[in-house]
Amino acid sequence: MKGSGSMMSFGLNGGYEAGKKLMDTVHLALLAVSLGGVETLIQHPASMTHAGVSHENKTLASGITDDLVRLSVGIEDVKDIIDDLEQGLATI
């Protein structure tokens, strides 16, 4: 990959509820079902894009677990992004 931009995923201790809590507490990162853009975007597939999908189809077929968070890092100042995630994670 050349230039800026980064897509990552991570799991949260606390599973589904922790994912929902993080989505409710970040301020800079925008909730999005599509992770393409110049701004920092975040999603919790289990409560967003795959909320209506059975556990078997989410986990077994797609690898989407209740604790999964996806983040697309945007062009904002890196300190602002880190601060936003830190304050959100501190609430879990």
C-alpha atoms as a PDB file:
ATOM      1  CA  MET A   1       0.000   0.000   0.000  1.00  0.00           C
ATOM      2  CA  LYS A   2       1.253   3.471  -0.843  1.00  0.00           C
ATOM      3  CA  GLY A   3       0.221   6.724   0.765  1.00  0.00           C
ATOM      4  CA  SER A   4      -1.992   7.183   3.777  1.00  0.00           C
ATOM      5  CA  GLY A   5      -4.899   5.146   4.988  1.00  0.00           C
ATOM      6  CA  SER A   6      -5.333   2.013   6.991  1.00  0.00           C
ATOM      7  CA  MET A   7      -8.050  -0.524   7.654  1.00  0.00           C
ATOM      8  CA  MET A   8      -7.930  -2.630  10.794  1.00  0.00           C
ATOM      9  CA  SER A   9     -10.113  -4.812  12.931  1.00  0.00           C
ATOM     10  CA  PHE A  10      -9.873  -5.809  16.564  1.00  0.00           C
ATOM     11  CA  GLY A  11     -11.854  -7.600  19.221  1.00  0.00           C
ATOM     12  CA  LEU A  12     -13.081  -6.104  22.465  1.00  0.00           C
ATOM     13  CA  ASN A  13     -13.225  -7.732  25.874  1.00  0.00           C
ATOM     14  CA  GLY A  14     -16.903  -7.615  26.743  1.00  0.00           C
ATOM     15  CA  GLY A  15     -18.183  -8.811  23.360  1.00  0.00           C
ATOM     16  CA  TYR A  16     -21.399  -7.462  21.909  1.00  0.00           C
ATOM     17  CA  GLU A  17     -22.201  -4.973  24.681  1.00  0.00           C
ATOM     18  CA  ALA A  18     -18.657  -3.570  24.621  1.00  0.00           C
ATOM     19  CA  GLY A  19     -18.931  -3.057  20.856  1.00  0.00           C
ATOM     20  CA  LYS A  20     -22.209  -1.183  21.194  1.00  0.00           C
ATOM     21  CA  LYS A  21     -20.791   0.922  24.035  1.00  0.00           C
ATOM     22  CA  LEU A  22     -17.746   1.903  21.974  1.00  0.00           C
ATOM     23  CA  MET A  23     -19.983   2.948  19.056  1.00  0.00           C
ATOM     24  CA  ASP A  24     -21.975   5.147  21.458  1.00  0.00           C
ATOM     25  CA  THR A  25     -18.928   6.863  22.944  1.00  0.00           C
ATOM     26  CA  VAL A  26     -16.568   7.727  20.090  1.00  0.00           C
ATOM     27  CA  HIS A  27     -16.939  11.272  18.789  1.00  0.00           C
ATOM     28  CA  LEU A  28     -14.388  11.796  16.023  1.00  0.00           C
ATOM     29  CA  ALA A  29     -14.800   8.397  14.365  1.00  0.00           C
ATOM     30  CA  LEU A  30     -18.034   8.318  12.405  1.00  0.00           C
ATOM     31  CA  LEU A  31     -20.308   5.273  12.438  1.00  0.00           C
ATOM     32  CA  ALA A  32     -20.471   3.816   8.962  1.00  0.00           C
ATOM     33  CA  VAL A  33     -21.531   0.619   7.251  1.00  0.00           C
ATOM     34  CA  SER A  34     -19.130   1.336   4.392  1.00  0.00           C
ATOM     35  CA  LEU A  35     -15.535   1.962   5.377  1.00  0.00           C
ATOM     36  CA  GLY A  36     -14.488   3.988   2.343  1.00  0.00           C
ATOM     37  CA  GLY A  37     -13.826   7.667   2.880  1.00  0.00           C
ATOM     38  CA  VAL A  38     -11.208  10.195   3.971  1.00  0.00           C
ATOM     39  CA  GLU A  39     -12.571  10.512   7.493  1.00  0.00           C
ATOM     40  CA  THR A  40     -12.053   7.967  10.263  1.00  0.00           C
ATOM     41  CA  LEU A  41     -14.927   5.493  10.132  1.00  0.00           C
ATOM     42  CA  ILE A  42     -15.848   2.792  12.635  1.00  0.00           C
ATOM     43  CA  GLN A  43     -18.350  -0.041  12.746  1.00  0.00           C
ATOM     44  CA  HIS A  44     -19.455  -2.895  14.981  1.00  0.00           C
ATOM     45  CA  PRO A  45     -20.802  -5.421  12.452  1.00  0.00           C
ATOM     46  CA  ALA A  46     -22.669  -7.529  15.045  1.00  0.00           C
ATOM     47  CA  SER A  47     -24.940  -4.602  15.965  1.00  0.00           C
ATOM     48  CA  MET A  48     -24.898  -2.826  12.614  1.00  0.00           C
ATOM     49  CA  THR A  49     -24.498  -4.511   9.216  1.00  0.00           C
ATOM     50  CA  HIS A  50     -25.013  -8.074  10.493  1.00  0.00           C
ATOM     51  CA  ALA A  51     -27.524  -7.443  13.277  1.00  0.00           C
ATOM     52  CA  GLY A  52     -30.193  -9.567  11.579  1.00  0.00           C
ATOM     53  CA  VAL A  53     -27.893 -12.415  10.569  1.00  0.00           C
ATOM     54  CA  SER A  54     -27.975 -15.644  12.574  1.00  0.00           C
ATOM     55  CA  HIS A  55     -25.057 -16.404  14.888  1.00  0.00           C
ATOM     56  CA  GLU A  56     -24.104 -19.402  12.756  1.00  0.00           C
ATOM     57  CA  ASN A  57     -23.959 -17.389   9.553  1.00  0.00           C
ATOM     58  CA  LYS A  58     -22.100 -14.498  11.191  1.00  0.00           C
ATOM     59  CA  THR A  59     -19.511 -16.491  13.054  1.00  0.00           C
ATOM     60  CA  LEU A  60     -19.097 -19.709  11.108  1.00  0.00           C
ATOM     61  CA  ALA A  61     -19.586 -18.449   7.567  1.00  0.00           C
ATOM     62  CA  SER A  62     -18.251 -14.910   7.802  1.00  0.00           C
ATOM     63  CA  GLY A  63     -15.935 -14.860  10.825  1.00  0.00           C
ATOM     64  CA  ILE A  64     -17.868 -11.951  12.332  1.00  0.00           C
ATOM     65  CA  THR A  65     -17.824 -12.299  16.095  1.00  0.00           C
ATOM     66  CA  ASP A  66     -19.760 -10.237  18.628  1.00  0.00           C
ATOM     67  CA  ASP A  67     -16.569  -8.478  19.764  1.00  0.00           C
ATOM     68  CA  LEU A  68     -15.356  -7.451  16.284  1.00  0.00           C
ATOM     69  CA  VAL A  69     -14.837  -3.748  15.546  1.00  0.00           C
ATOM     70  CA  ARG A  70     -13.661  -2.479  12.160  1.00  0.00           C
ATOM     71  CA  LEU A  71     -11.862   0.836  11.830  1.00  0.00           C
ATOM     72  CA  SER A  72     -10.839   2.774   8.747  1.00  0.00           C
ATOM     73  CA  VAL A  73      -8.275   5.401   9.732  1.00  0.00           C
ATOM     74  CA  GLY A  74      -8.837   8.744   8.055  1.00  0.00           C
ATOM     75  CA  ILE A  75      -6.799  11.868   7.469  1.00  0.00           C
ATOM     76  CA  GLU A  76      -7.467  13.542  10.814  1.00  0.00           C
ATOM     77  CA  ASP A  77      -4.571  14.287  13.140  1.00  0.00           C
ATOM     78  CA  VAL A  78      -3.324  10.984  14.563  1.00  0.00           C
ATOM     79  CA  LYS A  79      -3.427  12.313  18.130  1.00  0.00           C
ATOM     80  CA  ASP A  80      -7.110  13.212  17.738  1.00  0.00           C
ATOM     81  CA  ILE A  81      -7.902   9.698  16.464  1.00  0.00           C
ATOM     82  CA  ILE A  82      -5.981   8.048  19.306  1.00  0.00           C
ATOM     83  CA  ASP A  83      -7.593  10.331  21.899  1.00  0.00           C
ATOM     84  CA  ASP A  84     -11.061   9.493  20.560  1.00  0.00           C
ATOM     85  CA  LEU A  85     -10.442   5.759  20.700  1.00  0.00           C
ATOM     86  CA  GLU A  86      -8.828   5.949  24.136  1.00  0.00           C
ATOM     87  CA  GLN A  87     -11.753   7.851  25.650  1.00  0.00           C
ATOM     88  CA  GLY A  88     -14.208   5.428  24.051  1.00  0.00           C
ATOM     89  CA  LEU A  89     -12.324   2.351  25.201  1.00  0.00           C
ATOM     90  CA  ALA A  90     -12.061   3.779  28.716  1.00  0.00           C
ATOM     91  CA  THR A  91     -15.858   3.520  29.042  1.00  0.00           C
ATOM     92  CA  ILE A  92     -15.905  -0.239  28.454  1.00  0.00           C
END
